[in-house]
Amino acid sequence: GSAAPLPLRAALADVTRPRLAVRGGARRLALVWNIRPRPGGDVYHHSGGTSGFTAFAGFCPRRGTALVALANTTPDARHGFVQSAYEALLSLGARG
């Protein structure tokens, strides 16, 4: 595939640059992305929601995989939507 235009590549490199190490592990934080080290390459993800809606976005640059998942439900840890989306993202890389 073709590479992203130079301004987009520069912006993506800036927002994914680790800014803060999370205590007690290898996880780090970038501007808006959580970064989790994985054997196939770092996985960047962010999730959130508001009353009635939940969203997850994540990608792994090294594997060339990405996933966006949206739900019309209020964020709730009991439903596991975000965790399921994260696991789906990881499974995309496992298939490659």
Foldseek 3Di string as FASTA:
>chain_A
DDDDPPVVVVVVVQQPPFDAADPPDRWTHGNAWTWDQDPQAIKTKHKDDDAQKIKIWIDGVSQGFIDIDIDRHGDDVVVCPRVVRVVVRVVVSVVD
